[in-house]
Amino acid sequence: MRGTPIGNTQPREISRVYAWLTTRDPSGAFIGRLFQSIDLETGTRMCTWPDGIEFANIYTGEQKRYEKGKLRDV
């Protein structure tokens, strides 16, 4: 992982990095906030996210959208 934007972070630690930026939020409650992978998973399981909220990984560019109770890749 040397040379990546994550630096010397070990693979098991990546999920603890605040890497998921809220890029779209219909409710306005989470826009611009950073979350960890576990936050996205927990929020999905507990139905915390409003439909249509979108997240982008600031290191990889991967994008996810929460719709109808599921977090999906965009």
PDB file of N, CA and C in Angstrom:
ATOM      1  N   MET A   1       0.808  -1.188   0.000  1.00  0.00           N
ATOM      2  CA  MET A   1       0.000   0.000   0.000  1.00  0.00           C
ATOM      3  C   MET A   1       0.858   1.261   0.000  1.00  0.00           C
ATOM      4  N   ARG A   2       2.135   1.101  -0.033  1.00  0.00           N
ATOM      5  CA  ARG A   2       3.021   2.256  -0.043  1.00  0.00           C
ATOM      6  C   ARG A   2       2.765   3.103  -1.283  1.00  0.00           C
ATOM      7  N   GLY A   3       2.716   4.405  -1.090  1.00  0.00           N
ATOM      8  CA  GLY A   3       2.527   5.299  -2.211  1.00  0.00           C
ATOM      9  C   GLY A   3       1.072   5.645  -2.503  1.00  0.00           C
ATOM     10  N   THR A   4       0.144   5.031  -1.785  1.00  0.00           N
ATOM     11  CA  THR A   4      -1.267   5.358  -1.980  1.00  0.00           C
ATOM     12  C   THR A   4      -1.616   6.554  -1.113  1.00  0.00           C
ATOM     13  N   PRO A   5      -2.735   7.219  -1.373  1.00  0.00           N
ATOM     14  CA  PRO A   5      -3.133   8.348  -0.527  1.00  0.00           C
ATOM     15  C   PRO A   5      -3.330   7.966   0.933  1.00  0.00           C
ATOM     16  N   ILE A   6      -3.512   6.674   1.195  1.00  0.00           N
ATOM     17  CA  ILE A   6      -3.725   6.220   2.562  1.00  0.00           C
ATOM     18  C   ILE A   6      -2.393   6.100   3.298  1.00  0.00           C
ATOM     19  N   GLY A   7      -1.289   6.102   2.564  1.00  0.00           N
ATOM     20  CA  GLY A   7       0.035   6.037   3.184  1.00  0.00           C
ATOM     21  C   GLY A   7       0.369   4.664   3.701  1.00  0.00           C
ATOM     22  N   ASN A   8       0.804   4.594   4.949  1.00  0.00           N
ATOM     23  CA  ASN A   8       1.238   3.330   5.540  1.00  0.00           C
ATOM     24  C   ASN A   8       0.134   2.593   6.275  1.00  0.00           C
ATOM     25  N   THR A   9      -1.109   2.933   6.050  1.00  0.00           N
ATOM     26  CA  THR A   9      -2.230   2.275   6.706  1.00  0.00           C
ATOM     27  C   THR A   9      -2.296   0.812   6.285  1.00  0.00           C
ATOM     28  N   GLN A  10      -2.433  -0.051   7.246  1.00  0.00           N
ATOM     29  CA  GLN A  10      -2.543  -1.477   6.978  1.00  0.00           C
ATOM     30  C   GLN A  10      -3.952  -1.798   6.484  1.00  0.00           C
ATOM     31  N   PRO A  11      -4.130  -2.852   5.651  1.00  0.00           N
ATOM     32  CA  PRO A  11      -5.456  -3.184   5.110  1.00  0.00           C
ATOM     33  C   PRO A  11      -6.544  -3.316   6.170  1.00  0.00           C
ATOM     34  N   ARG A  12      -6.252  -3.866   7.320  1.00  0.00           N
ATOM     35  CA  ARG A  12      -7.269  -4.034   8.357  1.00  0.00           C
ATOM     36  C   ARG A  12      -7.688  -2.696   8.956  1.00  0.00           C
ATOM     37  N   GLU A  13      -6.871  -1.664   8.769  1.00  0.00           N
ATOM     38  CA  GLU A  13      -7.172  -0.352   9.327  1.00  0.00           C
ATOM     39  C   GLU A  13      -7.944   0.536   8.360  1.00  0.00           C
ATOM     40  N   ILE A  14      -8.023   0.158   7.104  1.00  0.00           N
ATOM     41  CA  ILE A  14      -8.660   1.007   6.104  1.00  0.00           C
ATOM     42  C   ILE A  14     -10.110   1.289   6.450  1.00  0.00           C
ATOM     43  N   SER A  15     -10.827   0.305   6.985  1.00  0.00           N
ATOM     44  CA  SER A  15     -12.234   0.525   7.305  1.00  0.00           C
ATOM     45  C   SER A  15     -12.409   1.544   8.437  1.00  0.00           C
ATOM     46  N   ARG A  16     -11.342   1.816   9.195  1.00  0.00           N
ATOM     47  CA  ARG A  16     -11.419   2.779  10.287  1.00  0.00           C
ATOM     48  C   ARG A  16     -11.121   4.206   9.825  1.00  0.00           C
ATOM     49  N   VAL A  17     -10.703   4.359   8.586  1.00  0.00           N
ATOM     50  CA  VAL A  17     -10.375   5.677   8.050  1.00  0.00           C
ATOM     51  C   VAL A  17     -11.664   6.398   7.664  1.00  0.00           C
ATOM     52  N   TYR A  18     -11.735   7.668   7.991  1.00  0.00           N
ATOM     53  CA  TYR A  18     -12.888   8.477   7.591  1.00  0.00           C
ATOM     54  C   TYR A  18     -12.703   8.838   6.120  1.00  0.00           C
ATOM     55  N   ALA A  19     -13.167   7.954   5.243  1.00  0.00           N
ATOM     56  CA  ALA A  19     -12.906   8.088   3.811  1.00  0.00           C
ATOM     57  C   ALA A  19     -14.148   8.363   2.988  1.00  0.00           C
ATOM     58  N   TRP A  20     -15.339   8.256   3.572  1.00  0.00           N
ATOM     59  CA  TRP A  20     -16.589   8.377   2.814  1.00  0.00           C
ATOM     60  C   TRP A  20     -17.218   9.745   3.018  1.00  0.00           C
ATOM     61  N   LEU A  21     -17.155  10.569   1.981  1.00  0.00           N
ATOM     62  CA  LEU A  21     -17.700  11.919   2.006  1.00  0.00           C
ATOM     63  C   LEU A  21     -19.135  11.911   1.498  1.00  0.00           C
ATOM     64  N   THR A  22     -20.023  12.567   2.212  1.00  0.00           N
ATOM     65  CA  THR A  22     -21.411  12.690   1.768  1.00  0.00           C
ATOM     66  C   THR A  22     -21.453  13.740   0.654  1.00  0.00           C
ATOM     67  N   THR A  23     -21.797  13.307  -0.552  1.00  0.00           N
ATOM     68  CA  THR A  23     -21.806  14.212  -1.703  1.00  0.00           C
ATOM     69  C   THR A  23     -23.205  14.688  -2.073  1.00  0.00           C
ATOM     70  N   ARG A  24     -24.221  13.967  -1.638  1.00  0.00           N
ATOM     71  CA  ARG A  24     -25.608  14.351  -1.897  1.00  0.00           C
ATOM     72  C   ARG A  24     -26.440  13.871  -0.720  1.00  0.00           C
ATOM     73  N   ASP A  25     -27.277  14.766  -0.206  1.00  0.00           N
ATOM     74  CA  ASP A  25     -28.122  14.420   0.930  1.00  0.00           C
ATOM     75  C   ASP A  25     -29.423  15.206   0.842  1.00  0.00           C
ATOM     76  N   PRO A  26     -30.506  14.537   0.442  1.00  0.00           N
ATOM     77  CA  PRO A  26     -31.794  15.221   0.326  1.00  0.00           C
ATOM     78  C   PRO A  26     -32.268  15.882   1.628  1.00  0.00           C
ATOM     79  N   SER A  27     -31.867  15.335   2.765  1.00  0.00           N
ATOM     80  CA  SER A  27     -32.308  15.896   4.051  1.00  0.00           C
ATOM     81  C   SER A  27     -31.451  17.082   4.483  1.00  0.00           C
ATOM     82  N   GLY A  28     -30.224  17.152   3.973  1.00  0.00           N
ATOM     83  CA  GLY A  28     -29.303  18.216   4.355  1.00  0.00           C
ATOM     84  C   GLY A  28     -28.600  17.981   5.682  1.00  0.00           C
ATOM     85  N   ALA A  29     -28.908  16.896   6.361  1.00  0.00           N
ATOM     86  CA  ALA A  29     -28.355  16.629   7.689  1.00  0.00           C
ATOM     87  C   ALA A  29     -26.904  16.139   7.666  1.00  0.00           C
ATOM     88  N   PHE A  30     -26.485  15.490   6.586  1.00  0.00           N
ATOM     89  CA  PHE A  30     -25.160  14.862   6.565  1.00  0.00           C
ATOM     90  C   PHE A  30     -24.225  15.427   5.494  1.00  0.00           C
ATOM     91  N   ILE A  31     -24.648  16.378   4.696  1.00  0.00           N
ATOM     92  CA  ILE A  31     -23.875  16.856   3.557  1.00  0.00           C
ATOM     93  C   ILE A  31     -22.492  17.357   3.993  1.00  0.00           C
ATOM     94  N   GLY A  32     -21.474  16.904   3.263  1.00  0.00           N
ATOM     95  CA  GLY A  32     -20.105  17.327   3.529  1.00  0.00           C
ATOM     96  C   GLY A  32     -19.424  16.619   4.687  1.00  0.00           C
ATOM     97  N   ARG A  33     -20.106  15.691   5.342  1.00  0.00           N
ATOM     98  CA  ARG A  33     -19.505  14.978   6.479  1.00  0.00           C
ATOM     99  C   ARG A  33     -18.772  13.736   6.008  1.00  0.00           C
ATOM    100  N   LEU A  34     -17.747  13.354   6.754  1.00  0.00           N
ATOM    101  CA  LEU A  34     -16.966  12.152   6.464  1.00  0.00           C
ATOM    102  C   LEU A  34     -17.375  11.023   7.401  1.00  0.00           C
ATOM    103  N   PHE A  35     -17.406   9.798   6.849  1.00  0.00           N
ATOM    104  CA  PHE A  35     -17.777   8.623   7.615  1.00  0.00           C
ATOM    105  C   PHE A  35     -16.796   7.486   7.350  1.00  0.00           C
ATOM    106  N   GLN A  36     -16.766   6.519   8.267  1.00  0.00           N
ATOM    107  CA  GLN A  36     -15.998   5.294   8.089  1.00  0.00           C
ATOM    108  C   GLN A  36     -16.883   4.261   7.388  1.00  0.00           C
ATOM    109  N   SER A  37     -16.266   3.231   6.835  1.00  0.00           N
ATOM    110  CA  SER A  37     -17.026   2.148   6.188  1.00  0.00           C
ATOM    111  C   SER A  37     -18.034   1.547   7.152  1.00  0.00           C
ATOM    112  N   ILE A  38     -17.623   1.352   8.378  1.00  0.00           N
ATOM    113  CA  ILE A  38     -18.525   0.749   9.365  1.00  0.00           C
ATOM    114  C   ILE A  38     -19.725   1.646   9.636  1.00  0.00           C
ATOM    115  N   ASP A  39     -19.541   2.963   9.543  1.00  0.00           N
ATOM    116  CA  ASP A  39     -20.660   3.883   9.725  1.00  0.00           C
ATOM    117  C   ASP A  39     -21.699   3.696   8.625  1.00  0.00           C
ATOM    118  N   LEU A  40     -21.230   3.523   7.386  1.00  0.00           N
ATOM    119  CA  LEU A  40     -22.142   3.308   6.270  1.00  0.00           C
ATOM    120  C   LEU A  40     -22.933   2.016   6.471  1.00  0.00           C
ATOM    121  N   GLU A  41     -22.233   0.960   6.891  1.00  0.00           N
ATOM    122  CA  GLU A  41     -22.887  -0.334   7.107  1.00  0.00           C
ATOM    123  C   GLU A  41     -23.894  -0.267   8.257  1.00  0.00           C
ATOM    124  N   THR A  42     -23.500   0.346   9.363  1.00  0.00           N
ATOM    125  CA  THR A  42     -24.385   0.452  10.522  1.00  0.00           C
ATOM    126  C   THR A  42     -25.590   1.325  10.200  1.00  0.00           C
ATOM    127  N   GLY A  43     -25.357   2.452   9.525  1.00  0.00           N
ATOM    128  CA  GLY A  43     -26.451   3.338   9.139  1.00  0.00           C
ATOM    129  C   GLY A  43     -27.449   2.650   8.227  1.00  0.00           C
ATOM    130  N   THR A  44     -26.946   1.771   7.353  1.00  0.00           N
ATOM    131  CA  THR A  44     -27.817   1.015   6.456  1.00  0.00           C
ATOM    132  C   THR A  44     -28.643   0.006   7.250  1.00  0.00           C
ATOM    133  N   ARG A  45     -27.990  -0.730   8.140  1.00  0.00           N
ATOM    134  CA  ARG A  45     -28.677  -1.737   8.943  1.00  0.00           C
ATOM    135  C   ARG A  45     -29.753  -1.110   9.830  1.00  0.00           C
ATOM    136  N   MET A  46     -29.484   0.101  10.335  1.00  0.00           N
ATOM    137  CA  MET A  46     -30.416   0.764  11.253  1.00  0.00           C
ATOM    138  C   MET A  46     -31.356   1.739  10.534  1.00  0.00           C
ATOM    139  N   CYS A  47     -31.277   1.766   9.196  1.00  0.00           N
ATOM    140  CA  CYS A  47     -32.127   2.657   8.378  1.00  0.00           C
ATOM    141  C   CYS A  47     -31.975   4.124   8.784  1.00  0.00           C
ATOM    142  N   THR A  48     -30.743   4.542   9.041  1.00  0.00           N
ATOM    143  CA  THR A  48     -30.433   5.906   9.440  1.00  0.00           C
ATOM    144  C   THR A  48     -30.452   6.873   8.265  1.00  0.00           C
ATOM    145  N   TRP A  49     -30.009   6.394   7.105  1.00  0.00           N
ATOM    146  CA  TRP A  49     -29.811   7.278   5.958  1.00  0.00           C
ATOM    147  C   TRP A  49     -31.124   7.611   5.247  1.00  0.00           C
ATOM    148  N   PRO A  50     -31.256   8.851   4.790  1.00  0.00           N
ATOM    149  CA  PRO A  50     -32.421   9.205   3.967  1.00  0.00           C
ATOM    150  C   PRO A  50     -32.257   8.631   2.559  1.00  0.00           C
ATOM    151  N   ASP A  51     -33.352   8.243   1.921  1.00  0.00           N
ATOM    152  CA  ASP A  51     -33.269   7.752   0.542  1.00  0.00           C
ATOM    153  C   ASP A  51     -32.622   8.794  -0.350  1.00  0.00           C
ATOM    154  N   GLY A  52     -31.693   8.341  -1.193  1.00  0.00           N
ATOM    155  CA  GLY A  52     -31.033   9.218  -2.146  1.00  0.00           C
ATOM    156  C   GLY A  52     -29.709   9.783  -1.674  1.00  0.00           C
ATOM    157  N   ILE A  53     -29.323   9.503  -0.414  1.00  0.00           N
ATOM    158  CA  ILE A  53     -28.030   9.998   0.058  1.00  0.00           C
ATOM    159  C   ILE A  53     -26.915   9.288  -0.704  1.00  0.00           C
ATOM    160  N   GLU A  54     -25.860  10.025  -1.032  1.00  0.00           N
ATOM    161  CA  GLU A  54     -24.743   9.459  -1.783  1.00  0.00           C
ATOM    162  C   GLU A  54     -23.432   9.759  -1.070  1.00  0.00           C
ATOM    163  N   PHE A  55     -22.529   8.790  -1.168  1.00  0.00           N
ATOM    164  CA  PHE A  55     -21.209   8.889  -0.557  1.00  0.00           C
ATOM    165  C   PHE A  55     -20.152   8.627  -1.612  1.00  0.00           C
ATOM    166  N   ALA A  56     -19.005   9.287  -1.490  1.00  0.00           N
ATOM    167  CA  ALA A  56     -17.867   9.037  -2.378  1.00  0.00           C
ATOM    168  C   ALA A  56     -16.640   8.799  -1.516  1.00  0.00           C
ATOM    169  N   ASN A  57     -15.881   7.760  -1.859  1.00  0.00           N
ATOM    170  CA  ASN A  57     -14.646   7.480  -1.151  1.00  0.00           C
ATOM    171  C   ASN A  57     -13.591   8.469  -1.640  1.00  0.00           C
ATOM    172  N   ILE A  58     -13.032   9.256  -0.737  1.00  0.00           N
ATOM    173  CA  ILE A  58     -12.093  10.301  -1.132  1.00  0.00           C
ATOM    174  C   ILE A  58     -10.737   9.747  -1.571  1.00  0.00           C
ATOM    175  N   TYR A  59     -10.469   8.476  -1.316  1.00  0.00           N
ATOM    176  CA  TYR A  59      -9.210   7.861  -1.720  1.00  0.00           C
ATOM    177  C   TYR A  59      -9.329   7.080  -3.024  1.00  0.00           C
ATOM    178  N   THR A  60     -10.459   6.405  -3.219  1.00  0.00           N
ATOM    179  CA  THR A  60     -10.599   5.517  -4.381  1.00  0.00           C
ATOM    180  C   THR A  60     -11.542   6.052  -5.445  1.00  0.00           C
ATOM    181  N   GLY A  61     -12.400   6.991  -5.081  1.00  0.00           N
ATOM    182  CA  GLY A  61     -13.395   7.500  -6.016  1.00  0.00           C
ATOM    183  C   GLY A  61     -14.652   6.645  -6.089  1.00  0.00           C
ATOM    184  N   GLU A  62     -14.667   5.530  -5.396  1.00  0.00           N
ATOM    185  CA  GLU A  62     -15.846   4.657  -5.376  1.00  0.00           C
ATOM    186  C   GLU A  62     -17.042   5.443  -4.846  1.00  0.00           C
ATOM    187  N   GLN A  63     -18.231   5.172  -5.394  1.00  0.00           N
ATOM    188  CA  GLN A  63     -19.431   5.881  -4.975  1.00  0.00           C
ATOM    189  C   GLN A  63     -20.515   4.898  -4.566  1.00  0.00           C
ATOM    190  N   LYS A  64     -21.293   5.301  -3.552  1.00  0.00           N
ATOM    191  CA  LYS A  64     -22.401   4.482  -3.066  1.00  0.00           C
ATOM    192  C   LYS A  64     -23.626   5.366  -2.876  1.00  0.00           C
ATOM    193  N   ARG A  65     -24.795   4.759  -3.079  1.00  0.00           N
ATOM    194  CA  ARG A  65     -26.071   5.464  -2.895  1.00  0.00           C
ATOM    195  C   ARG A  65     -26.986   4.589  -2.042  1.00  0.00           C
ATOM    196  N   TYR A  66     -27.680   5.221  -1.101  1.00  0.00           N
ATOM    197  CA  TYR A  66     -28.642   4.515  -0.252  1.00  0.00           C
ATOM    198  C   TYR A  66     -30.030   4.732  -0.836  1.00  0.00           C
ATOM    199  N   GLU A  67     -30.694   3.624  -1.193  1.00  0.00           N
ATOM    200  CA  GLU A  67     -32.045   3.670  -1.727  1.00  0.00           C
ATOM    201  C   GLU A  67     -32.829   2.457  -1.256  1.00  0.00           C
ATOM    202  N   LYS A  68     -34.048   2.691  -0.833  1.00  0.00           N
ATOM    203  CA  LYS A  68     -34.967   1.617  -0.450  1.00  0.00           C
ATOM    204  C   LYS A  68     -34.349   0.644   0.548  1.00  0.00           C
ATOM    205  N   GLY A  69     -33.632   1.178   1.531  1.00  0.00           N
ATOM    206  CA  GLY A  69     -33.070   0.359   2.587  1.00  0.00           C
ATOM    207  C   GLY A  69     -31.789  -0.372   2.245  1.00  0.00           C
ATOM    208  N   LYS A  70     -31.194  -0.088   1.097  1.00  0.00           N
ATOM    209  CA  LYS A  70     -29.961  -0.774   0.688  1.00  0.00           C
ATOM    210  C   LYS A  70     -28.915   0.231   0.237  1.00  0.00           C
ATOM    211  N   LEU A  71     -27.658  -0.067   0.527  1.00  0.00           N
ATOM    212  CA  LEU A  71     -26.541   0.740   0.079  1.00  0.00           C
ATOM    213  C   LEU A  71     -25.965   0.056  -1.159  1.00  0.00           C
ATOM    214  N   ARG A  72     -25.986   0.777  -2.278  1.00  0.00           N
ATOM    215  CA  ARG A  72     -25.581   0.186  -3.563  1.00  0.00           C
ATOM    216  C   ARG A  72     -24.427   0.975  -4.172  1.00  0.00           C
ATOM    217  N   ASP A  73     -23.617   0.286  -4.965  1.00  0.00           N
ATOM    218  CA  ASP A  73     -22.564   0.946  -5.737  1.00  0.00           C
ATOM    219  C   ASP A  73     -23.208   1.755  -6.851  1.00  0.00           C
ATOM    220  N   VAL A  74     -22.632   2.911  -7.138  1.00  0.00           N
ATOM    221  CA  VAL A  74     -23.153   3.755  -8.221  1.00  0.00           C
ATOM    222  C   VAL A  74     -22.307   3.533  -9.463  1.00  0.00           C
TER     223      VAL A  74
END
